Amino acid sequence: MNPKLHALQLTLLLMFTCLGVAQNRSIQAFNVTPGNSAALNKVNLQKTIDWASTSGSALWVESWFVIEVHGALR
């Protein structure tokens, strides 16, 4: 195989791999956090989904601990 062609293929593979990883984000990067109100998280989550849908990006959600205090979730 031509060494220049092999180098080009490797460069393209690495470039697209890096771009793919860079587009996967946590929803916390968009200010969807347990400390926010439900209304604010709803707005921020919709913005996050809209952003991801334009580029085919993946979003991930970290698990959060939910504590019940006198019948209310916090």
C-alpha atoms as a PDB file:
ATOM      1  CA  MET A   1       0.000   0.000   0.000  1.00  0.00           C
ATOM      2  CA  ASN A   2       1.129   3.517  -0.747  1.00  0.00           C
ATOM      3  CA  PRO A   3       2.486   5.058   2.499  1.00  0.00           C
ATOM      4  CA  LYS A   4       0.983   8.469   1.690  1.00  0.00           C
ATOM      5  CA  LEU A   5      -2.447   6.952   1.119  1.00  0.00           C
ATOM      6  CA  HIS A   6      -2.153   4.965   4.338  1.00  0.00           C
ATOM      7  CA  ALA A   7      -1.196   8.128   6.264  1.00  0.00           C
ATOM      8  CA  LEU A   8      -4.146  10.006   4.752  1.00  0.00           C
ATOM      9  CA  GLN A   9      -6.560   7.219   5.694  1.00  0.00           C
ATOM     10  CA  LEU A  10      -5.240   7.133   9.237  1.00  0.00           C
ATOM     11  CA  THR A  11      -5.478  10.919   9.545  1.00  0.00           C
ATOM     12  CA  LEU A  12      -9.079  10.936   8.328  1.00  0.00           C
ATOM     13  CA  LEU A  13     -10.022   8.096  10.648  1.00  0.00           C
ATOM     14  CA  LEU A  14      -8.558   9.864  13.671  1.00  0.00           C
ATOM     15  CA  MET A  15     -10.120  13.187  12.708  1.00  0.00           C
ATOM     16  CA  PHE A  16     -13.623  11.768  12.378  1.00  0.00           C
ATOM     17  CA  THR A  17     -13.240   9.700  15.533  1.00  0.00           C
ATOM     18  CA  CYS A  18     -12.285  12.808  17.498  1.00  0.00           C
ATOM     19  CA  LEU A  19     -15.185  14.772  16.040  1.00  0.00           C
ATOM     20  CA  GLY A  20     -17.620  12.019  16.957  1.00  0.00           C
ATOM     21  CA  VAL A  21     -16.448  11.856  20.545  1.00  0.00           C
ATOM     22  CA  ALA A  22     -16.452  15.626  20.905  1.00  0.00           C
ATOM     23  CA  GLN A  23     -20.150  15.798  19.994  1.00  0.00           C
ATOM     24  CA  ASN A  24     -21.302  13.487  22.784  1.00  0.00           C
ATOM     25  CA  ARG A  25     -22.171  15.558  25.826  1.00  0.00           C
ATOM     26  CA  SER A  26     -23.667  15.313  29.242  1.00  0.00           C
ATOM     27  CA  ILE A  27     -26.934  17.139  29.779  1.00  0.00           C
ATOM     28  CA  GLN A  28     -25.233  18.883  32.692  1.00  0.00           C
ATOM     29  CA  ALA A  29     -23.127  20.761  30.126  1.00  0.00           C
ATOM     30  CA  PHE A  30     -26.405  22.436  29.142  1.00  0.00           C
ATOM     31  CA  ASN A  31     -27.318  23.362  32.734  1.00  0.00           C
ATOM     32  CA  VAL A  32     -29.754  20.509  33.324  1.00  0.00           C
ATOM     33  CA  THR A  33     -28.932  19.841  36.956  1.00  0.00           C
ATOM     34  CA  PRO A  34     -30.651  18.569  40.100  1.00  0.00           C
ATOM     35  CA  GLY A  35     -30.322  21.985  41.729  1.00  0.00           C
ATOM     36  CA  ASN A  36     -32.526  23.669  39.129  1.00  0.00           C
ATOM     37  CA  SER A  37     -36.287  23.921  39.256  1.00  0.00           C
ATOM     38  CA  ALA A  38     -38.258  21.469  37.142  1.00  0.00           C
ATOM     39  CA  ALA A  39     -39.409  24.329  34.901  1.00  0.00           C
ATOM     40  CA  LEU A  40     -35.847  25.497  34.232  1.00  0.00           C
ATOM     41  CA  ASN A  41     -34.641  21.944  33.582  1.00  0.00           C
ATOM     42  CA  LYS A  42     -37.536  21.444  31.147  1.00  0.00           C
ATOM     43  CA  VAL A  43     -36.479  24.509  29.128  1.00  0.00           C
ATOM     44  CA  ASN A  44     -32.779  23.606  29.245  1.00  0.00           C
ATOM     45  CA  LEU A  45     -33.432  19.974  28.334  1.00  0.00           C
ATOM     46  CA  GLN A  46     -35.491  20.990  25.296  1.00  0.00           C
ATOM     47  CA  LYS A  47     -32.656  23.272  24.142  1.00  0.00           C
ATOM     48  CA  THR A  48     -30.254  20.361  24.656  1.00  0.00           C
ATOM     49  CA  ILE A  49     -32.400  17.992  22.599  1.00  0.00           C
ATOM     50  CA  ASP A  50     -32.749  20.594  19.841  1.00  0.00           C
ATOM     51  CA  TRP A  51     -28.955  21.046  19.728  1.00  0.00           C
ATOM     52  CA  ALA A  52     -28.310  17.301  19.604  1.00  0.00           C
ATOM     53  CA  SER A  53     -30.921  16.669  16.919  1.00  0.00           C
ATOM     54  CA  THR A  54     -29.249  19.041  14.452  1.00  0.00           C
ATOM     55  CA  SER A  55     -25.951  17.175  14.557  1.00  0.00           C
ATOM     56  CA  GLY A  56     -26.978  13.636  15.478  1.00  0.00           C
ATOM     57  CA  SER A  57     -25.061  13.969  18.727  1.00  0.00           C
ATOM     58  CA  ALA A  58     -25.528  11.703  21.701  1.00  0.00           C
ATOM     59  CA  LEU A  59     -26.490  12.936  25.143  1.00  0.00           C
ATOM     60  CA  TRP A  60     -25.908  11.129  28.367  1.00  0.00           C
ATOM     61  CA  VAL A  61     -27.480  11.458  31.784  1.00  0.00           C
ATOM     62  CA  GLU A  62     -25.613  10.873  35.008  1.00  0.00           C
ATOM     63  CA  SER A  63     -27.596   9.219  37.758  1.00  0.00           C
ATOM     64  CA  TRP A  64     -28.590  11.556  40.536  1.00  0.00           C
ATOM     65  CA  PHE A  65     -29.679  10.656  44.015  1.00  0.00           C
ATOM     66  CA  VAL A  66     -33.259  11.625  44.760  1.00  0.00           C
ATOM     67  CA  ILE A  67     -34.093  12.130  48.409  1.00  0.00           C
ATOM     68  CA  GLU A  68     -37.666  12.211  49.663  1.00  0.00           C
ATOM     69  CA  VAL A  69     -38.234  14.779  52.405  1.00  0.00           C
ATOM     70  CA  HIS A  70     -41.721  14.975  53.930  1.00  0.00           C
ATOM     71  CA  GLY A  71     -43.350  13.701  50.745  1.00  0.00           C
ATOM     72  CA  ALA A  72     -41.484  16.096  48.436  1.00  0.00           C
ATOM     73  CA  LEU A  73     -38.630  15.123  46.152  1.00  0.00           C
ATOM     74  CA  ARG A  74     -35.440  17.118  46.391  1.00  0.00           C
END
